[in-house]
Amino acid sequence: MPTRIPSTRFVTRLATPVSRVIATALALTLAGCAGGPAYVKPTVAAPDRWGDWHGGDASLLPAGTSAAPGLTGRWWEALGDPVLDRLEAEALDASLDLRTAALRFAEARGQRGVAEAEGGPRVGLTAAATRQRQSELGAGTRLIDVIGTDRDRIAPLLAQPFTLYQAGFDASWEPDLWGRVRHAVEAADADVASQAALLDLARLSLASEVARRYLDVRTAQAQIALLGEDEAALRERLRIVAARVRGGTLGHADLARQQSDLAARTAQLPALRAQEAAGINQLTLLLGKRPGELRTLLAPGTRPGVGELPDLSLGLPSDVARRRPDIRNAEAQLRRATANIGIARADLYPSIRLGAHAGFESYLKSDFTDWGSRTWSIGPSLDLPLFDHGRRQRVVQLRELQQQEAAIQFQRTVLQAWQEIDDGLSSYAANQQERYDLMRRVDSAREAYELAQARFAGGTTDYVAVIDAQRNWLQARFDLVASEGKLRTAYVILNKALGNVISGRPSG
């Protein structure tokens, strides 16, 4: 609120103890008016149940979305792959981006200490020995002309070079009457919280990216292996068709069609090999290695059996939304913007600095420590802003607008978080259902293949029918591998959306 600062003439008349009490009360009143708005922790809107804020069909909710404690920390271990566990550990240890985020967190903590130190007294020692010469026509020799003495004789003597010895003790303290330092510490605390959230986000993003690229590599390798089996089956079928063409039971059109099918199948191999190579190279980059270093570790056939993914016990929706690093960062930005209003308002009011100095000063080295060389000063200094074309007031308005912007950004971050969580749940459920249907297709195709083999052994069908049944089974397995890759990728994306940060204290 606007406050009229009492004149210095009035303040100097406050000499009695009662007047001092009144002056103290006045200062406290002004301090209360100048303080910034109190920060109120925002409420993160959340549904009571996971299905309450679901944008899709009710079937697109994964089974097991209970309120039991969610999977946090090393969530990728649920995939049951020791190679992935090793890659994650190496990436979290070697990532340059993660080291940068950890250093920024440490910097924020150091800056917080700097802000807090601004509120304490400053004490120091000074010492100097300077060689000087005064001008014969300077301000120091003007007194000669005023007195009217012999300038030609005295001025050269005063202008002779001499050494000035100085040493002293200085102390100063600025009372935080308007809360500038207090709000600066609050802003620094918010920066620490923001950098901690960004460090968690960097860990989560890194772990998610490593898992996704690893799954891309393994999916491509599994599909390449199945494609090789299908290509072998096609070549055998082509051999049989070619023999029948030579025997006159089939025409050349059948042979051309068979050759076209084989060419179409082999044409899929380069893209899958490129997908495998790109995934391996991206993993080497994430781990800070050179291309080729992971070739042995990620060789085809080194992948262990992957078990079923666990049911999703997501925890309470309110807890999940609160632990997301981006929401924590947005909240910290709002807290910092609120504190900055208090800093700007404090600049509208006068600052008082209490200072003291004691020391010695002499141009004679032998008399430097004599009692007569002592100097001292003590007293307050006042900095009273009077007129600056409204600059300080406009800064306050600017900080208030920035706080409103931070509040809107916080709301937007929360809404986006729930969109990502709901998208993740829908994608995970859809991929679960697709995988279940494809598993039934694989089982049916395998039974058909086994039946065709039995009929061929009994002489009721030819070998081409066996090859066709085998290819249908291979195609079903090929599609299932792709579906399982999408399901595990959806699991990774969902854990990132849920904000399941990696366990561990921030570095620095």
Protein backbone atom coordinates (compact mmCIF):
# COMPACT_ATOMS: atom_id res chain seq x y z
CA MET A 1 0.00 0.00 0.00
CA PRO A 2 1.25 3.59 -0.58
CA THR A 3 3.21 4.90 2.35
CA ARG A 4 4.46 8.41 3.08
CA ILE A 5 8.03 8.37 4.34
CA PRO A 6 8.53 10.78 7.28
CA SER A 7 10.99 13.61 6.71
CA THR A 8 14.47 13.41 8.19
CA ARG A 9 13.78 16.55 10.23
CA PHE A 10 10.97 14.75 11.99
CA VAL A 11 13.07 11.66 12.60
CA THR A 12 15.90 13.64 14.20
CA ARG A 13 13.51 14.95 16.85
CA LEU A 14 12.72 11.42 18.05
CA ALA A 15 15.17 11.53 20.93
CA THR A 16 13.20 10.18 23.89
CA PRO A 17 12.75 6.43 24.58
CA VAL A 18 9.04 6.76 23.85
CA SER A 19 9.80 8.31 20.50
CA ARG A 20 12.18 5.45 19.70
CA VAL A 21 9.39 2.95 20.40
CA ILE A 22 7.08 4.89 18.09
CA ALA A 23 9.74 4.94 15.38
CA THR A 24 10.19 1.17 15.70
CA ALA A 25 6.47 0.57 15.45
CA LEU A 26 6.33 2.84 12.39
CA ALA A 27 9.12 0.89 10.72
CA LEU A 28 7.38 -2.42 11.41
CA THR A 29 4.14 -1.06 9.97
CA LEU A 30 5.91 0.09 6.83
CA ALA A 31 7.59 -3.30 6.55
CA GLY A 32 4.22 -5.03 6.66
CA CYS A 33 2.91 -2.81 3.89
CA ALA A 34 5.96 -3.34 1.71
CA GLY A 35 6.05 -7.13 1.96
CA GLY A 36 5.15 -9.17 -1.09
CA PRO A 37 2.19 -11.55 -1.39
CA ALA A 38 2.38 -14.74 0.63
CA TYR A 39 2.92 -17.83 -1.49
CA VAL A 40 0.02 -20.28 -1.40
CA LYS A 41 0.83 -23.79 -2.59
CA PRO A 42 -1.45 -24.53 -5.56
CA THR A 43 -3.75 -27.51 -5.56
CA VAL A 44 -3.14 -30.06 -8.29
CA ALA A 45 -6.53 -31.10 -9.64
CA ALA A 46 -6.90 -34.87 -9.82
CA PRO A 47 -9.76 -37.37 -10.26
CA ASP A 48 -10.87 -39.65 -7.46
CA ARG A 49 -10.55 -42.69 -9.72
CA TRP A 50 -8.51 -43.29 -12.84
CA GLY A 51 -11.58 -43.82 -15.00
CA ASP A 52 -13.21 -40.51 -14.03
CA TRP A 53 -11.03 -38.42 -16.36
CA HIS A 54 -10.80 -40.87 -19.25
CA GLY A 55 -11.25 -39.43 -22.73
CA GLY A 56 -11.68 -42.67 -24.69
CA ASP A 57 -13.79 -45.78 -24.60
CA ALA A 58 -14.09 -47.53 -21.25
CA SER A 59 -12.32 -50.55 -22.72
CA LEU A 60 -9.14 -48.47 -23.11
CA LEU A 61 -8.28 -48.67 -19.43
CA PRO A 62 -5.64 -51.25 -18.53
CA ALA A 63 -6.52 -53.99 -16.11
CA GLY A 64 -5.10 -53.58 -12.63
CA THR A 65 -5.35 -49.77 -12.41
CA SER A 66 -5.79 -49.88 -8.66
CA ALA A 67 -4.88 -47.40 -5.95
CA ALA A 68 -2.09 -49.59 -4.61
CA PRO A 69 1.39 -48.04 -4.55
CA GLY A 70 2.62 -47.52 -8.07
CA LEU A 71 5.80 -48.86 -9.63
CA THR A 72 8.53 -46.27 -9.14
CA GLY A 73 12.28 -46.13 -9.28
CA ARG A 74 13.88 -48.75 -11.55
CA TRP A 75 10.65 -49.50 -13.39
CA TRP A 76 12.42 -50.96 -16.45
CA GLU A 77 13.42 -54.00 -14.38
CA ALA A 78 9.85 -55.27 -14.84
CA LEU A 79 10.82 -56.04 -18.45
CA GLY A 80 13.09 -58.80 -17.11
CA ASP A 81 16.08 -58.05 -19.36
CA PRO A 82 19.55 -57.95 -17.72
CA VAL A 83 21.07 -56.35 -20.82
CA LEU A 84 18.64 -53.45 -20.56
CA ASP A 85 19.38 -53.16 -16.82
CA ARG A 86 23.10 -52.86 -17.63
CA LEU A 87 22.51 -50.24 -20.33
CA GLU A 88 20.34 -48.16 -18.00
CA ALA A 89 22.97 -48.22 -15.26
CA GLU A 90 25.74 -47.18 -17.66
CA ALA A 91 23.63 -44.41 -19.19
CA LEU A 92 22.69 -42.92 -15.81
CA ASP A 93 26.36 -42.92 -14.88
CA ALA A 94 27.85 -41.59 -18.12
CA SER A 95 25.25 -39.18 -19.55
CA LEU A 96 26.68 -35.72 -20.21
CA ASP A 97 23.20 -34.17 -20.14
CA LEU A 98 22.63 -35.68 -16.72
CA ARG A 99 25.92 -34.28 -15.44
CA THR A 100 24.96 -30.85 -16.73
CA ALA A 101 21.60 -31.02 -14.93
CA ALA A 102 23.37 -32.09 -11.72
CA LEU A 103 25.77 -29.15 -11.98
CA ARG A 104 22.86 -26.73 -12.45
CA PHE A 105 21.24 -28.14 -9.33
CA ALA A 106 24.49 -27.61 -7.42
CA GLU A 107 24.72 -24.06 -8.79
CA ALA A 108 21.18 -23.31 -7.58
CA ARG A 109 22.07 -24.51 -4.09
CA GLY A 110 25.17 -22.32 -4.11
CA GLN A 111 23.15 -19.32 -5.28
CA ARG A 112 20.73 -19.92 -2.42
CA GLY A 113 23.61 -19.57 0.03
CA VAL A 114 24.63 -16.30 -1.64
CA ALA A 115 21.10 -14.91 -1.27
CA GLU A 116 20.91 -15.89 2.38
CA ALA A 117 24.29 -14.28 3.12
CA GLU A 118 22.94 -10.91 1.95
CA GLY A 119 20.97 -10.61 5.19
CA GLY A 120 23.96 -10.85 7.53
CA PRO A 121 26.51 -8.23 8.62
CA ARG A 122 29.66 -7.70 6.60
CA VAL A 123 33.00 -7.44 8.41
CA GLY A 124 36.38 -6.87 6.85
CA LEU A 125 39.89 -5.60 7.32
CA THR A 126 41.58 -3.09 4.99
CA ALA A 127 45.20 -2.09 4.57
CA ALA A 128 47.01 0.04 2.01
CA ALA A 129 50.31 1.79 1.42
CA THR A 130 50.12 4.23 -1.49
CA ARG A 131 52.69 6.59 -2.93
CA GLN A 132 51.06 9.95 -3.74
CA ARG A 133 51.78 13.39 -5.11
CA GLN A 134 49.36 16.30 -4.88
CA SER A 135 48.95 18.92 -7.56
CA GLU A 136 50.45 22.32 -6.78
CA LEU A 137 47.30 23.86 -8.26
CA GLY A 138 44.76 21.36 -6.96
CA ALA A 139 42.03 21.58 -4.36
CA GLY A 140 44.46 20.52 -1.63
CA THR A 141 46.63 23.62 -2.14
CA ARG A 142 43.79 26.15 -2.61
CA LEU A 143 44.02 27.05 1.08
CA ILE A 144 47.41 28.67 0.40
CA ASP A 145 45.77 31.24 -1.86
CA VAL A 146 42.97 31.85 0.62
CA ILE A 147 45.38 32.50 3.50
CA GLY A 148 47.66 34.54 1.30
CA THR A 149 50.93 32.92 2.29
CA ASP A 150 54.00 32.39 0.13
CA ARG A 151 52.67 30.05 -2.55
CA ASP A 152 55.95 29.67 -4.42
CA ARG A 153 57.61 28.28 -1.31
CA ILE A 154 54.83 26.24 0.32
CA ALA A 155 53.06 24.71 -2.69
CA PRO A 156 56.11 22.76 -3.92
CA LEU A 157 56.61 21.39 -0.42
CA LEU A 158 52.99 20.18 -0.18
CA ALA A 159 53.25 18.64 -3.63
CA GLN A 160 56.29 16.55 -2.77
CA PRO A 161 55.61 12.77 -3.09
CA PHE A 162 54.85 10.92 0.11
CA THR A 163 53.65 7.47 1.21
CA LEU A 164 50.28 7.16 2.97
CA TYR A 165 49.83 4.17 5.28
CA GLN A 166 46.28 3.00 6.08
CA ALA A 167 44.78 0.09 7.99
CA GLY A 168 41.32 -0.39 9.45
CA PHE A 169 38.36 -2.48 10.44
CA ASP A 170 35.02 -2.08 8.63
CA ALA A 171 31.60 -3.44 9.54
CA SER A 172 28.20 -2.82 7.94
CA TRP A 173 24.71 -4.25 8.11
CA GLU A 174 21.52 -3.45 6.24
CA PRO A 175 18.37 -4.39 8.18
CA ASP A 176 15.90 -6.27 6.01
CA LEU A 177 13.05 -3.87 6.84
CA TRP A 178 11.04 -4.53 3.70
CA GLY A 179 11.74 -8.23 3.21
CA ARG A 180 13.99 -7.95 0.16
CA VAL A 181 16.49 -10.51 1.44
CA ARG A 182 13.76 -12.80 2.76
CA HIS A 183 12.03 -12.85 -0.60
CA ALA A 184 15.35 -13.33 -2.39
CA VAL A 185 15.95 -16.44 -0.28
CA GLU A 186 12.44 -17.67 -1.13
CA ALA A 187 13.19 -17.15 -4.84
CA ALA A 188 16.47 -19.03 -4.44
CA ASP A 189 14.68 -21.90 -2.67
CA ALA A 190 12.29 -22.04 -5.62
CA ASP A 191 15.25 -22.21 -8.02
CA VAL A 192 16.68 -25.13 -6.05
CA ALA A 193 13.34 -26.95 -6.24
CA SER A 194 13.10 -26.18 -9.96
CA GLN A 195 16.56 -27.53 -10.73
CA ALA A 196 15.90 -30.63 -8.62
CA ALA A 197 12.75 -31.27 -10.66
CA LEU A 198 14.64 -30.72 -13.92
CA LEU A 199 17.33 -33.15 -12.76
CA ASP A 200 14.65 -35.77 -12.08
CA LEU A 201 13.14 -35.03 -15.49
CA ALA A 202 16.55 -35.52 -17.14
CA ARG A 203 16.96 -38.88 -15.39
CA LEU A 204 13.46 -39.98 -16.39
CA SER A 205 13.86 -38.85 -19.99
CA LEU A 206 17.23 -40.59 -20.29
CA ALA A 207 15.96 -43.88 -18.84
CA SER A 208 12.90 -43.76 -21.10
CA GLU A 209 14.95 -43.05 -24.21
CA VAL A 210 17.40 -45.88 -23.47
CA ALA A 211 14.54 -48.34 -22.96
CA ARG A 212 12.73 -47.27 -26.13
CA ARG A 213 15.82 -47.50 -28.32
CA TYR A 214 16.73 -50.88 -26.83
CA LEU A 215 13.23 -52.20 -27.54
CA ASP A 216 13.47 -50.91 -31.12
CA VAL A 217 16.70 -52.84 -31.60
CA ARG A 218 15.37 -56.09 -30.14
CA THR A 219 12.09 -55.87 -32.07
CA ALA A 220 13.95 -55.31 -35.33
CA GLN A 221 16.28 -58.25 -34.61
CA ALA A 222 13.38 -60.60 -33.84
CA GLN A 223 11.57 -59.55 -37.01
CA ILE A 224 14.76 -60.01 -39.08
CA ALA A 225 15.08 -63.57 -37.76
CA LEU A 226 11.45 -64.39 -38.62
CA LEU A 227 11.84 -62.75 -42.01
CA GLY A 228 14.80 -65.01 -42.67
CA GLU A 229 12.70 -68.09 -41.89
CA ASP A 230 9.92 -66.83 -44.14
CA GLU A 231 12.40 -66.14 -46.93
CA ALA A 232 13.72 -69.70 -46.64
CA ALA A 233 10.15 -71.04 -46.86
CA LEU A 234 9.47 -68.88 -49.92
CA ARG A 235 12.60 -70.14 -51.65
CA GLU A 236 11.53 -73.73 -51.02
CA ARG A 237 8.07 -72.94 -52.41
CA LEU A 238 9.70 -71.24 -55.42
CA ARG A 239 11.78 -74.38 -56.02
CA ILE A 240 8.65 -76.55 -56.01
CA VAL A 241 6.75 -74.19 -58.30
CA ALA A 242 9.70 -74.02 -60.72
CA ALA A 243 9.82 -77.81 -60.84
CA ARG A 244 6.09 -77.94 -61.62
CA VAL A 245 6.53 -75.34 -64.34
CA ARG A 246 9.21 -77.46 -65.90
CA GLY A 247 6.91 -80.48 -65.60
CA GLY A 248 4.13 -78.58 -67.35
CA THR A 249 1.62 -78.69 -64.47
CA LEU A 250 1.90 -74.94 -63.78
CA GLY A 251 2.35 -71.93 -66.01
CA HIS A 252 5.05 -69.26 -66.00
CA ALA A 253 2.60 -66.80 -64.44
CA ASP A 254 2.64 -68.90 -61.25
CA LEU A 255 6.42 -68.80 -61.22
CA ALA A 256 6.51 -65.02 -61.77
CA ARG A 257 4.00 -64.51 -58.96
CA GLN A 258 6.12 -66.63 -56.64
CA GLN A 259 9.27 -64.68 -57.55
CA SER A 260 7.43 -61.41 -56.89
CA ASP A 261 6.40 -62.61 -53.42
CA LEU A 262 9.99 -63.52 -52.62
CA ALA A 263 11.31 -60.14 -53.82
CA ALA A 264 8.67 -58.27 -51.79
CA ARG A 265 9.63 -60.21 -48.69
CA THR A 266 13.38 -59.68 -49.05
CA ALA A 267 12.77 -55.97 -49.71
CA GLN A 268 11.68 -55.60 -46.07
CA LEU A 269 15.11 -56.64 -44.76
CA PRO A 270 17.09 -53.42 -45.47
CA ALA A 271 14.63 -51.22 -43.56
CA LEU A 272 14.70 -53.54 -40.54
CA ARG A 273 18.50 -53.68 -40.59
CA ALA A 274 18.60 -49.87 -40.80
CA GLN A 275 16.21 -49.69 -37.82
CA GLU A 276 18.50 -52.01 -35.88
CA ALA A 277 21.62 -50.01 -36.74
CA ALA A 278 20.00 -46.66 -35.90
CA GLY A 279 18.81 -47.96 -32.55
CA ILE A 280 22.27 -49.29 -31.68
CA ASN A 281 23.91 -46.00 -32.65
CA GLN A 282 21.42 -43.99 -30.60
CA LEU A 283 22.12 -46.21 -27.61
CA THR A 284 25.88 -45.71 -28.00
CA LEU A 285 25.33 -41.96 -28.07
CA LEU A 286 23.16 -42.05 -24.95
CA LEU A 287 25.87 -44.03 -23.17
CA GLY A 288 28.65 -41.74 -24.38
CA LYS A 289 30.37 -44.44 -26.45
CA ARG A 290 31.66 -44.56 -30.01
CA PRO A 291 29.75 -46.38 -32.78
CA GLY A 292 30.38 -50.11 -32.70
CA GLU A 293 31.19 -50.49 -29.00
CA LEU A 294 27.81 -52.09 -28.24
CA ARG A 295 27.81 -54.48 -31.19
CA THR A 296 28.75 -57.55 -29.14
CA LEU A 297 26.43 -56.74 -26.25
CA LEU A 298 23.48 -56.14 -28.59
CA ALA A 299 24.18 -58.99 -31.00
CA PRO A 300 21.08 -60.93 -32.15
CA GLY A 301 20.35 -63.95 -30.02
CA THR A 302 21.62 -62.38 -26.75
CA ARG A 303 18.15 -61.32 -25.73
CA PRO A 304 16.77 -63.36 -22.80
CA GLY A 305 13.18 -64.47 -22.55
CA VAL A 306 10.83 -61.63 -21.70
CA GLY A 307 8.07 -62.36 -19.21
CA GLU A 308 4.67 -60.83 -18.82
CA LEU A 309 4.47 -57.18 -17.83
CA PRO A 310 3.03 -56.56 -14.37
CA ASP A 311 -0.45 -55.22 -13.80
CA LEU A 312 -0.48 -51.46 -13.39
CA SER A 313 -0.92 -50.54 -9.74
CA LEU A 314 -0.79 -46.84 -10.38
CA GLY A 315 -1.34 -45.44 -6.91
CA LEU A 316 -3.61 -42.53 -6.07
CA PRO A 317 -4.16 -40.12 -8.98
CA SER A 318 -3.33 -37.11 -6.81
CA ASP A 319 0.02 -38.60 -5.77
CA VAL A 320 0.92 -39.49 -9.35
CA ALA A 321 0.27 -35.98 -10.64
CA ARG A 322 2.19 -34.38 -7.78
CA ARG A 323 5.38 -36.38 -8.40
CA ARG A 324 5.69 -35.50 -12.09
CA PRO A 325 8.89 -33.45 -12.50
CA ASP A 326 7.33 -30.98 -14.94
CA ILE A 327 4.52 -30.15 -12.48
CA ARG A 328 7.05 -29.71 -9.67
CA ASN A 329 9.09 -27.42 -11.90
CA ALA A 330 6.03 -25.35 -12.87
CA GLU A 331 5.10 -25.00 -9.20
CA ALA A 332 8.64 -23.86 -8.36
CA GLN A 333 8.46 -21.25 -11.13
CA LEU A 334 5.20 -19.94 -9.64
CA ARG A 335 6.80 -19.75 -6.21
CA ARG A 336 9.78 -17.86 -7.61
CA ALA A 337 7.54 -15.41 -9.48
CA THR A 338 5.64 -14.72 -6.25
CA ALA A 339 8.87 -14.07 -4.34
CA ASN A 340 10.08 -11.71 -7.08
CA ILE A 341 7.06 -9.48 -6.40
CA GLY A 342 8.28 -9.04 -2.82
CA ILE A 343 11.78 -8.14 -4.05
CA ALA A 344 10.39 -5.54 -6.46
CA ARG A 345 8.15 -4.01 -3.79
CA ALA A 346 11.04 -3.74 -1.35
CA ASP A 347 12.89 -1.57 -3.86
CA LEU A 348 10.11 1.03 -3.56
CA TYR A 349 11.16 1.87 -0.01
CA PRO A 350 14.30 3.40 1.52
CA SER A 351 17.24 1.28 2.56
CA ILE A 352 19.20 1.93 5.74
CA ARG A 353 22.75 0.71 6.20
CA LEU A 354 24.49 0.76 9.57
CA GLY A 355 28.26 1.10 9.26
CA ALA A 356 31.35 1.51 11.38
CA HIS A 357 35.04 2.02 10.65
CA ALA A 358 38.08 2.17 12.91
CA GLY A 359 41.73 2.25 11.93
CA PHE A 360 44.97 4.16 11.56
CA GLU A 361 46.21 6.54 8.89
CA SER A 362 49.63 8.21 8.68
CA TYR A 363 52.11 9.46 6.12
CA LEU A 364 54.91 8.71 8.57
CA LYS A 365 55.77 5.05 8.77
CA SER A 366 57.32 5.38 12.23
CA ASP A 367 54.22 7.07 13.67
CA PHE A 368 51.66 4.81 11.99
CA THR A 369 50.60 3.05 15.19
CA ASP A 370 50.56 6.19 17.36
CA TRP A 371 47.27 7.00 19.06
CA GLY A 372 47.13 10.24 17.18
CA SER A 373 46.95 8.36 13.86
CA ARG A 374 43.65 6.76 14.73
CA THR A 375 40.52 7.30 12.61
CA TRP A 376 36.97 6.16 13.13
CA SER A 377 33.45 6.70 11.89
CA ILE A 378 30.09 5.28 12.83
CA GLY A 379 26.52 5.92 11.80
CA PRO A 380 23.70 5.01 9.46
CA SER A 381 23.30 5.88 5.82
CA LEU A 382 19.96 6.29 4.09
CA ASP A 383 19.10 5.63 0.46
CA LEU A 384 15.70 7.20 -0.24
CA PRO A 385 14.21 6.73 -3.73
CA LEU A 386 12.28 9.85 -4.72
CA PHE A 387 11.71 10.01 -8.45
CA ASP A 388 12.64 7.58 -11.23
CA HIS A 389 9.85 8.15 -13.79
CA GLY A 390 7.87 5.25 -12.29
CA ARG A 391 10.54 2.64 -13.10
CA ARG A 392 10.31 0.80 -9.76
CA GLN A 393 6.52 0.78 -9.79
CA ARG A 394 6.51 -0.61 -13.31
CA VAL A 395 8.91 -3.35 -12.22
CA VAL A 396 6.37 -4.33 -9.55
CA GLN A 397 3.63 -4.46 -12.18
CA LEU A 398 5.88 -6.52 -14.44
CA ARG A 399 6.57 -9.05 -11.65
CA GLU A 400 2.85 -9.32 -10.93
CA LEU A 401 2.16 -10.07 -14.59
CA GLN A 402 4.93 -12.67 -14.57
CA GLN A 403 3.32 -14.31 -11.55
CA GLN A 404 0.00 -14.50 -13.41
CA GLU A 405 1.80 -16.02 -16.40
CA ALA A 406 3.47 -18.60 -14.13
CA ALA A 407 0.08 -19.48 -12.62
CA ILE A 408 -1.39 -20.05 -16.09
CA GLN A 409 1.62 -22.12 -17.10
CA PHE A 410 1.17 -24.25 -13.98
CA GLN A 411 -2.47 -24.92 -14.89
CA ARG A 412 -1.48 -25.74 -18.45
CA THR A 413 1.23 -28.13 -17.25
CA VAL A 414 -1.25 -29.96 -15.03
CA LEU A 415 -3.78 -30.32 -17.85
CA GLN A 416 -1.09 -31.54 -20.25
CA ALA A 417 0.09 -34.05 -17.64
CA TRP A 418 -3.36 -35.60 -17.38
CA GLN A 419 -3.65 -35.72 -21.16
CA GLU A 420 -0.32 -37.58 -21.41
CA ILE A 421 -1.31 -39.97 -18.61
CA ASP A 422 -4.68 -40.74 -20.21
CA ASP A 423 -3.05 -41.18 -23.64
CA GLY A 424 -0.52 -43.52 -22.05
CA LEU A 425 -3.20 -45.59 -20.35
CA SER A 426 -5.24 -45.83 -23.55
CA SER A 427 -2.21 -46.83 -25.64
CA TYR A 428 -1.11 -49.42 -23.11
CA ALA A 429 -4.62 -50.95 -22.92
CA ALA A 430 -5.01 -50.97 -26.71
CA ASN A 431 -1.67 -52.71 -27.18
CA GLN A 432 -2.55 -55.23 -24.48
CA GLN A 433 -5.75 -56.14 -26.32
CA GLU A 434 -3.95 -56.29 -29.68
CA ARG A 435 -1.28 -58.58 -28.25
CA TYR A 436 -3.92 -60.87 -26.74
CA ASP A 437 -5.70 -61.21 -30.11
CA LEU A 438 -2.43 -61.81 -31.96
CA MET A 439 -1.43 -64.50 -29.46
CA ARG A 440 -4.64 -66.34 -30.28
CA ARG A 441 -3.87 -65.90 -33.98
CA VAL A 442 -0.40 -67.38 -33.49
CA ASP A 443 -1.86 -70.36 -31.65
CA SER A 444 -4.39 -70.97 -34.42
CA ALA A 445 -1.76 -70.60 -37.15
CA ARG A 446 0.53 -73.05 -35.35
CA GLU A 447 -2.28 -75.61 -35.11
CA ALA A 448 -2.99 -75.17 -38.83
CA TYR A 449 0.70 -75.68 -39.62
CA GLU A 450 0.86 -78.83 -37.50
CA LEU A 451 -2.32 -80.13 -39.16
CA ALA A 452 -0.86 -79.48 -42.64
CA GLN A 453 2.27 -81.40 -41.67
CA ALA A 454 0.13 -84.33 -40.49
CA ARG A 455 -1.87 -84.34 -43.76
CA PHE A 456 1.32 -84.23 -45.79
CA ALA A 457 2.69 -87.18 -43.82
CA GLY A 458 -0.58 -89.04 -44.49
CA GLY A 459 -0.37 -88.27 -48.21
CA THR A 460 -3.59 -86.25 -48.35
CA THR A 461 -1.95 -82.95 -49.35
CA ASP A 462 1.20 -81.72 -51.04
CA TYR A 463 4.17 -79.92 -49.50
CA VAL A 464 3.13 -76.52 -50.88
CA ALA A 465 0.18 -76.51 -48.43
CA VAL A 466 2.65 -77.18 -45.61
CA ILE A 467 4.81 -74.24 -46.71
CA ASP A 468 1.77 -71.95 -46.94
CA ALA A 469 0.67 -72.93 -43.44
CA GLN A 470 4.20 -72.37 -42.18
CA ARG A 471 4.29 -68.91 -43.74
CA ASN A 472 0.96 -67.97 -42.17
CA TRP A 473 2.35 -69.01 -38.81
CA LEU A 474 5.54 -67.01 -39.41
CA GLN A 475 3.52 -63.94 -40.41
CA ALA A 476 1.43 -64.21 -37.25
CA ARG A 477 4.59 -64.43 -35.16
CA PHE A 478 6.06 -61.47 -37.08
CA ASP A 479 3.01 -59.35 -36.25
CA LEU A 480 3.08 -60.52 -32.63
CA VAL A 481 6.70 -59.45 -32.25
CA ALA A 482 5.80 -56.00 -33.55
CA SER A 483 2.84 -55.84 -31.16
CA GLU A 484 4.95 -56.89 -28.18
CA GLY A 485 7.47 -54.20 -29.07
CA LYS A 486 4.71 -51.59 -29.16
CA LEU A 487 3.30 -52.84 -25.85
CA ARG A 488 6.64 -52.56 -24.07
CA THR A 489 7.25 -49.16 -25.62
CA ALA A 490 3.82 -48.10 -24.38
CA TYR A 491 4.84 -49.34 -20.94
CA VAL A 492 7.95 -47.13 -21.08
CA ILE A 493 5.95 -44.10 -22.25
CA LEU A 494 3.35 -44.64 -19.53
CA ASN A 495 6.00 -44.74 -16.80
CA LYS A 496 7.40 -41.46 -18.10
CA ALA A 497 3.91 -39.95 -18.15
CA LEU A 498 3.34 -41.09 -14.58
CA GLY A 499 6.53 -39.34 -13.49
CA ASN A 500 8.13 -42.50 -12.09
CA VAL A 501 11.51 -40.91 -11.47
CA ILE A 502 14.63 -42.94 -10.86
CA SER A 503 15.58 -43.38 -7.24
CA GLY A 504 18.60 -41.49 -6.02
CA ARG A 505 19.55 -38.17 -4.47
CA PRO A 506 20.49 -35.28 -6.75
CA SER A 507 24.19 -35.00 -7.33
CA GLY A 508 26.20 -31.95 -6.30
